[in-house]
């Protein structure tokens, strides 16, 4: 896929978002990302490639932020009513960041996963204060600042059939794709939405993938190293608590802290409830998250 096609995606398929999204997402991504795309990765469990370009915030590389955050969710799903593939600029994230997916009664954002993610990480508002009735203009300003200065991707590149779940190989292959992105964009912190990409019941997906990457010629040339993912404290007061995970990676001299939390879409399924207040408390124990939070407040605090 060439740069021209990528730049025209919003115009071709999502014209209603084109102009507003241009202020949020980098529609001129690095050539290295574009050249890494292989559509075969979207349909195969065996291809270790980048199937989709990540969301790269407009100001991520040029905004002067010392703390660079990379949000890593889990899966792409086929068969949704409003899009077939999670297209190259993560259009669903653009819809959320631009308040295009509100329910008709304006009571809540339509996408629970994104809405809960925002509550858990929003440096401008506590989860306790992010409740109805909403100040939608304030939320919109905050979402734009956050996502214009961060990176987002789903780790699994295969487009999973609706009603299915990724398997361990999907996560392992996905971490290979993440490596391609992280070595180029150099985040300082990754916040992972969903702990399955660290460890499923049967496999330590992250650790397996990092061991494979470490054995590759590319990693050797970049002086790659990693510390295995570790299980941390149990988080949650409602339903079944979930154990957080942490890990550390270094790519070409750039250290990256990785934190996993419960998937933000969970609202009673399997007895699991994502509680933004509890996960914010956990994230604020992480020094790099606190540093990012302070820097965002200092640079983009709103008054009035």
Protein backbone atom coordinates (compact mmCIF):
# COMPACT_ATOMS: atom_id res chain seq x y z
CA UNK A 1 0.00 0.00 0.00
CA UNK A 2 1.38 3.39 -0.90
CA UNK A 3 1.15 6.66 0.99
CA UNK A 4 -1.30 8.18 -1.46
CA UNK A 5 -3.82 5.38 -0.90
CA UNK A 6 -3.46 5.72 2.84
CA UNK A 7 -4.01 9.47 2.76
CA UNK A 8 -7.13 9.04 0.65
CA UNK A 9 -8.81 6.43 2.86
CA UNK A 10 -10.85 8.94 4.84
CA UNK A 11 -11.87 10.71 1.66
CA UNK A 12 -12.83 7.48 -0.11
CA UNK A 13 -14.67 5.69 2.68
CA UNK A 14 -15.21 8.11 5.55
CA UNK A 15 -15.62 11.53 4.02
CA UNK A 16 -17.60 12.77 7.03
CA UNK A 17 -14.51 12.26 9.19
CA UNK A 18 -11.83 13.40 6.77
CA UNK A 19 -11.35 17.04 7.74
CA UNK A 20 -11.72 16.63 11.51
CA UNK A 21 -9.59 13.49 11.64
CA UNK A 22 -6.80 15.25 9.81
CA UNK A 23 -6.28 17.37 12.93
CA UNK A 24 -5.87 14.24 15.10
CA UNK A 25 -4.18 11.46 13.17
CA UNK A 26 -0.99 11.54 11.12
CA UNK A 27 -2.15 10.93 7.56
CA UNK A 28 1.48 10.92 6.41
CA UNK A 29 2.86 7.99 8.43
CA UNK A 30 6.50 6.92 8.06
CA UNK A 31 7.24 5.00 4.90
CA UNK A 32 8.66 2.19 7.03
CA UNK A 33 5.19 1.55 8.49
CA UNK A 34 3.49 1.61 5.12
CA UNK A 35 6.03 -0.77 3.60
CA UNK A 36 5.57 -3.18 6.53
CA UNK A 37 1.90 -3.77 5.72
CA UNK A 38 1.00 -7.22 4.42
CA UNK A 39 -2.68 -7.95 3.91
CA UNK A 40 -1.97 -11.66 4.36
CA UNK A 41 -1.48 -11.01 8.08
CA UNK A 42 -5.16 -10.12 8.35
CA UNK A 43 -6.31 -13.56 7.31
CA UNK A 44 -3.68 -16.00 8.52
CA UNK A 45 -2.51 -17.31 11.89
CA UNK A 46 0.89 -18.09 10.42
CA UNK A 47 1.91 -14.70 8.98
CA UNK A 48 3.96 -12.55 11.34
CA UNK A 49 3.35 -9.25 9.65
CA UNK A 50 1.70 -5.91 10.20
CA UNK A 51 -1.80 -6.14 8.79
CA UNK A 52 -2.98 -2.67 9.76
CA UNK A 53 -1.28 0.63 10.22
CA UNK A 54 -1.61 1.90 13.78
CA UNK A 55 -3.22 5.14 14.81
CA UNK A 56 -0.34 7.62 15.14
CA UNK A 57 -1.44 10.84 16.77
CA UNK A 58 -0.84 13.98 14.76
CA UNK A 59 1.47 15.41 17.44
CA UNK A 60 3.06 12.18 18.67
CA UNK A 61 6.44 12.77 17.04
CA UNK A 62 6.36 16.57 16.81
CA UNK A 63 4.55 17.73 19.96
CA UNK A 64 7.57 17.77 22.24
CA UNK A 65 6.26 15.20 24.73
CA UNK A 66 9.06 13.49 26.67
CA UNK A 67 6.72 10.72 27.81
CA UNK A 68 5.27 8.86 24.84
CA UNK A 69 2.37 6.48 25.42
CA UNK A 70 1.35 3.60 23.17
CA UNK A 71 -2.08 2.05 23.82
CA UNK A 72 -2.23 -1.60 22.77
CA UNK A 73 -5.65 -3.25 22.57
CA UNK A 74 -6.39 -6.79 21.47
CA UNK A 75 -8.34 -7.64 18.35
CA UNK A 76 -9.82 -6.73 15.00
CA UNK A 77 -13.21 -8.33 14.35
CA UNK A 78 -15.01 -9.01 11.09
CA UNK A 79 -18.74 -8.81 10.74
CA UNK A 80 -19.42 -5.60 12.64
CA UNK A 81 -22.38 -3.63 11.35
CA UNK A 82 -20.55 -0.41 10.63
CA UNK A 83 -17.19 -1.53 9.20
CA UNK A 84 -15.70 -4.64 7.67
CA UNK A 85 -12.12 -4.04 8.66
CA UNK A 86 -10.60 -1.75 11.21
CA UNK A 87 -9.16 0.34 8.44
CA UNK A 88 -5.68 1.71 8.30
CA UNK A 89 -6.15 4.88 10.37
CA UNK A 90 -8.22 3.09 13.04
CA UNK A 91 -11.38 4.82 11.92
CA UNK A 92 -13.37 3.60 14.90
CA UNK A 93 -10.95 5.41 17.18
CA UNK A 94 -11.39 8.53 15.06
CA UNK A 95 -15.15 8.23 15.47
CA UNK A 96 -14.77 7.97 19.23
CA UNK A 97 -12.22 10.77 19.52
CA UNK A 98 -14.50 13.03 17.49
CA UNK A 99 -17.67 12.11 19.41
CA UNK A 100 -19.16 10.54 16.29
CA UNK A 101 -20.39 7.40 18.02
CA UNK A 102 -22.65 8.82 20.73
CA UNK A 103 -25.85 7.03 21.56
CA UNK A 104 -28.96 8.92 20.54
CA UNK A 105 -29.85 9.82 24.12
CA UNK A 106 -26.37 11.37 24.54
CA UNK A 107 -25.96 9.55 27.84
CA UNK A 108 -22.75 7.67 27.06
CA UNK A 109 -20.26 6.93 24.32
CA UNK A 110 -21.37 4.03 22.17
CA UNK A 111 -18.07 2.16 22.36
CA UNK A 112 -17.75 0.83 25.90
CA UNK A 113 -14.13 -0.28 25.47
CA UNK A 114 -12.95 3.18 24.41
CA UNK A 115 -15.15 4.97 26.94
CA UNK A 116 -13.75 2.91 29.82
CA UNK A 117 -10.21 3.28 28.51
CA UNK A 118 -10.64 7.05 28.52
CA UNK A 119 -11.97 7.01 32.09
CA UNK A 120 -9.03 4.95 33.27
CA UNK A 121 -6.27 6.99 31.62
CA UNK A 122 -7.67 10.52 31.20
CA UNK A 123 -5.09 12.87 32.81
CA UNK A 124 -7.60 15.73 32.89
CA UNK A 125 -10.39 14.02 34.83
CA UNK A 126 -10.77 11.31 37.47
CA UNK A 127 -13.04 8.33 36.78
CA UNK A 128 -15.21 9.43 39.70
CA UNK A 129 -15.89 12.74 37.95
CA UNK A 130 -16.51 11.19 34.53
CA UNK A 131 -20.19 10.45 35.10
CA UNK A 132 -23.53 11.68 33.72
CA UNK A 133 -24.55 14.33 33.06
CA UNK A 134 -21.51 14.77 30.82
CA UNK A 135 -19.89 17.97 29.71
CA UNK A 136 -19.50 16.77 26.14
CA UNK A 137 -17.46 19.75 24.99
CA UNK A 138 -14.94 19.17 27.76
CA UNK A 139 -14.77 15.44 26.97
CA UNK A 140 -14.25 16.21 23.31
CA UNK A 141 -11.35 18.57 24.03
CA UNK A 142 -9.74 16.00 26.30
CA UNK A 143 -10.13 13.12 23.86
CA UNK A 144 -8.58 15.16 21.07
CA UNK A 145 -5.56 16.10 23.15
CA UNK A 146 -5.00 12.56 24.39
CA UNK A 147 -5.29 10.79 21.06
CA UNK A 148 -3.45 13.46 19.08
CA UNK A 149 -0.43 12.76 21.29
CA UNK A 150 -0.47 8.97 21.54
CA UNK A 151 -0.29 5.81 19.42
CA UNK A 152 -2.91 3.05 19.30
CA UNK A 153 -3.00 -0.40 17.72
CA UNK A 154 -4.64 -3.76 18.18
CA UNK A 155 -1.93 -6.32 18.82
CA UNK A 156 -3.65 -9.16 16.93
CA UNK A 157 -3.39 -8.51 13.21
CA UNK A 158 -5.58 -11.37 12.00
CA UNK A 159 -9.18 -10.23 11.61
CA UNK A 160 -11.01 -12.61 13.95
CA UNK A 161 -14.49 -13.82 12.94
CA UNK A 162 -17.30 -12.26 14.95
CA UNK A 163 -18.10 -14.35 17.99
CA UNK A 164 -14.60 -15.86 18.15
CA UNK A 165 -11.56 -15.00 20.21
CA UNK A 166 -7.91 -14.75 19.23
CA UNK A 167 -5.82 -17.79 20.07
CA UNK A 168 -2.30 -17.73 21.53
CA UNK A 169 -0.66 -17.75 18.09
CA UNK A 170 -2.59 -14.60 17.19
CA UNK A 171 -1.13 -12.83 20.21
CA UNK A 172 2.39 -14.16 19.60
CA UNK A 173 2.30 -13.06 15.97
CA UNK A 174 0.83 -9.75 17.05
CA UNK A 175 3.77 -8.98 19.32
CA UNK A 176 6.02 -9.38 16.29
CA UNK A 177 3.91 -6.69 14.60
CA UNK A 178 4.09 -4.53 17.72
CA UNK A 179 7.89 -4.77 17.63
CA UNK A 180 7.93 -3.34 14.09
CA UNK A 181 5.92 -0.34 15.29
CA UNK A 182 7.66 0.19 18.63
CA UNK A 183 11.18 0.18 17.21
CA UNK A 184 10.19 3.00 14.87
CA UNK A 185 7.96 5.13 17.13
CA UNK A 186 9.93 4.65 20.38
CA UNK A 187 7.25 4.87 23.09
CA UNK A 188 8.29 5.08 26.73
CA UNK A 189 5.17 3.33 28.08
CA UNK A 190 2.71 0.83 26.63
CA UNK A 191 -0.68 0.42 28.32
CA UNK A 192 -2.26 -2.83 27.18
CA UNK A 193 -6.05 -3.14 27.14
CA UNK A 194 -6.56 -6.81 28.03
CA UNK A 195 -4.24 -9.23 29.84
CA UNK A 196 -4.68 -12.12 27.39
CA UNK A 197 -1.93 -10.76 25.15
CA UNK A 198 0.46 -11.25 28.09
CA UNK A 199 -0.72 -14.70 29.09
CA UNK A 200 -3.58 -16.98 28.15
CA UNK A 201 -4.50 -20.04 30.18
CA UNK A 202 -2.11 -22.18 28.17
CA UNK A 203 0.66 -19.87 26.92
CA UNK A 204 2.86 -16.96 28.01
CA UNK A 205 2.25 -15.18 24.69
CA UNK A 206 4.36 -12.10 25.33
CA UNK A 207 7.33 -14.05 26.67
CA UNK A 208 7.23 -16.51 23.77
CA UNK A 209 7.10 -13.71 21.22
CA UNK A 210 9.93 -11.75 22.84
CA UNK A 211 12.16 -14.86 22.91
CA UNK A 212 11.50 -15.36 19.18
CA UNK A 213 12.23 -11.70 18.45
CA UNK A 214 15.42 -11.78 20.51
CA UNK A 215 16.67 -14.68 18.38
CA UNK A 216 16.07 -12.80 15.13
CA UNK A 217 18.83 -10.98 13.19
CA UNK A 218 16.82 -7.74 13.32
CA UNK A 219 16.78 -7.75 17.11
CA UNK A 220 20.49 -8.52 17.32
CA UNK A 221 21.28 -5.51 15.15
CA UNK A 222 19.13 -3.31 17.40
CA UNK A 223 20.61 -4.55 20.69
CA UNK A 224 17.19 -5.81 21.76
CA UNK A 225 16.51 -7.09 25.27
CA UNK A 226 13.47 -7.81 27.41
CA UNK A 227 12.39 -8.80 30.88
CA UNK A 228 9.66 -11.44 31.03
CA UNK A 229 6.15 -10.38 31.88
CA UNK A 230 5.36 -10.66 35.56
CA UNK A 231 2.02 -11.10 37.28
CA UNK A 232 1.23 -8.27 39.66
CA UNK A 233 -1.52 -7.44 42.10
CA UNK A 234 -5.15 -8.44 41.78
CA UNK A 235 -7.33 -5.48 40.78
CA UNK A 236 -11.09 -5.21 41.19
CA UNK A 237 -13.76 -5.04 43.86
CA UNK A 238 -16.73 -6.12 41.76
CA UNK A 239 -16.97 -9.63 40.37
CA UNK A 240 -13.76 -11.57 39.77
CA UNK A 241 -10.58 -9.50 40.13
CA UNK A 242 -7.93 -9.68 37.41
CA UNK A 243 -4.20 -9.78 37.95
CA UNK A 244 -2.23 -6.96 36.35
CA UNK A 245 0.98 -7.74 34.45
CA UNK A 246 4.14 -5.76 33.76
CA UNK A 247 7.19 -6.19 31.52
CA UNK A 248 10.11 -4.21 30.17
CA UNK A 249 11.68 -4.07 26.70
CA UNK A 250 14.66 -2.19 25.32
CA UNK A 251 14.92 -1.55 21.57
CA UNK A 252 18.00 0.18 20.20
CA UNK A 253 18.67 1.85 23.53
CA UNK A 254 15.05 2.95 24.05
CA UNK A 255 13.53 1.41 27.22
CA UNK A 256 9.79 0.68 27.16
CA UNK A 257 7.69 -0.16 30.20
CA UNK A 258 4.62 -2.32 29.51
CA UNK A 259 1.55 -2.54 31.76
CA UNK A 260 -1.46 -4.81 31.19
CA UNK A 261 -4.91 -4.21 32.64
CA UNK A 262 -8.29 -5.93 32.35
CA UNK A 263 -9.98 -5.46 28.99
CA UNK A 264 -12.03 -2.28 29.17
CA UNK A 265 -15.03 -3.80 27.34
CA UNK A 266 -15.88 -6.17 30.19
CA UNK A 267 -19.11 -5.33 31.96
CA UNK A 268 -20.26 -8.53 33.62
CA UNK A 269 -19.22 -11.06 30.99
CA UNK A 270 -17.62 -14.10 32.67
CA UNK A 271 -18.20 -12.35 35.99
CA UNK A 272 -15.63 -9.69 35.05
CA UNK A 273 -16.21 -5.96 35.45
CA UNK A 274 -13.78 -3.30 34.34
CA UNK A 275 -13.69 -0.71 37.11
CA UNK A 276 -12.00 2.48 35.85
CA UNK A 277 -11.49 3.82 39.39
CA UNK A 278 -9.56 0.73 40.51
CA UNK A 279 -7.40 0.57 37.40
CA UNK A 280 -6.61 4.29 37.57
CA UNK A 281 -5.31 3.73 41.11
CA UNK A 282 -3.11 0.95 39.78
CA UNK A 283 -1.83 2.96 36.83
CA UNK A 284 -0.97 5.88 39.07
CA UNK A 285 1.38 3.60 40.99
CA UNK A 286 3.42 3.27 37.79
CA UNK A 287 6.07 6.05 37.67
CA UNK A 288 5.98 6.44 33.88
CA UNK A 289 2.20 6.76 33.80
CA UNK A 290 2.36 9.43 36.50
CA UNK A 291 5.06 11.25 34.53
CA UNK A 292 2.92 11.18 31.37
CA UNK A 293 -0.13 12.31 33.32
CA UNK A 294 1.76 15.29 34.80
CA UNK A 295 3.24 16.27 31.45
CA UNK A 296 -0.14 16.17 29.72
CA UNK A 297 -1.65 18.35 32.45
CA UNK A 298 1.22 20.82 32.27
CA UNK A 299 1.09 21.16 28.48
CA UNK A 300 -2.64 20.92 27.82
CA UNK A 301 -4.54 21.84 30.98
CA UNK A 302 -7.88 23.54 30.31
CA UNK A 303 -9.13 26.58 32.09
CA UNK A 304 -12.62 27.93 32.10
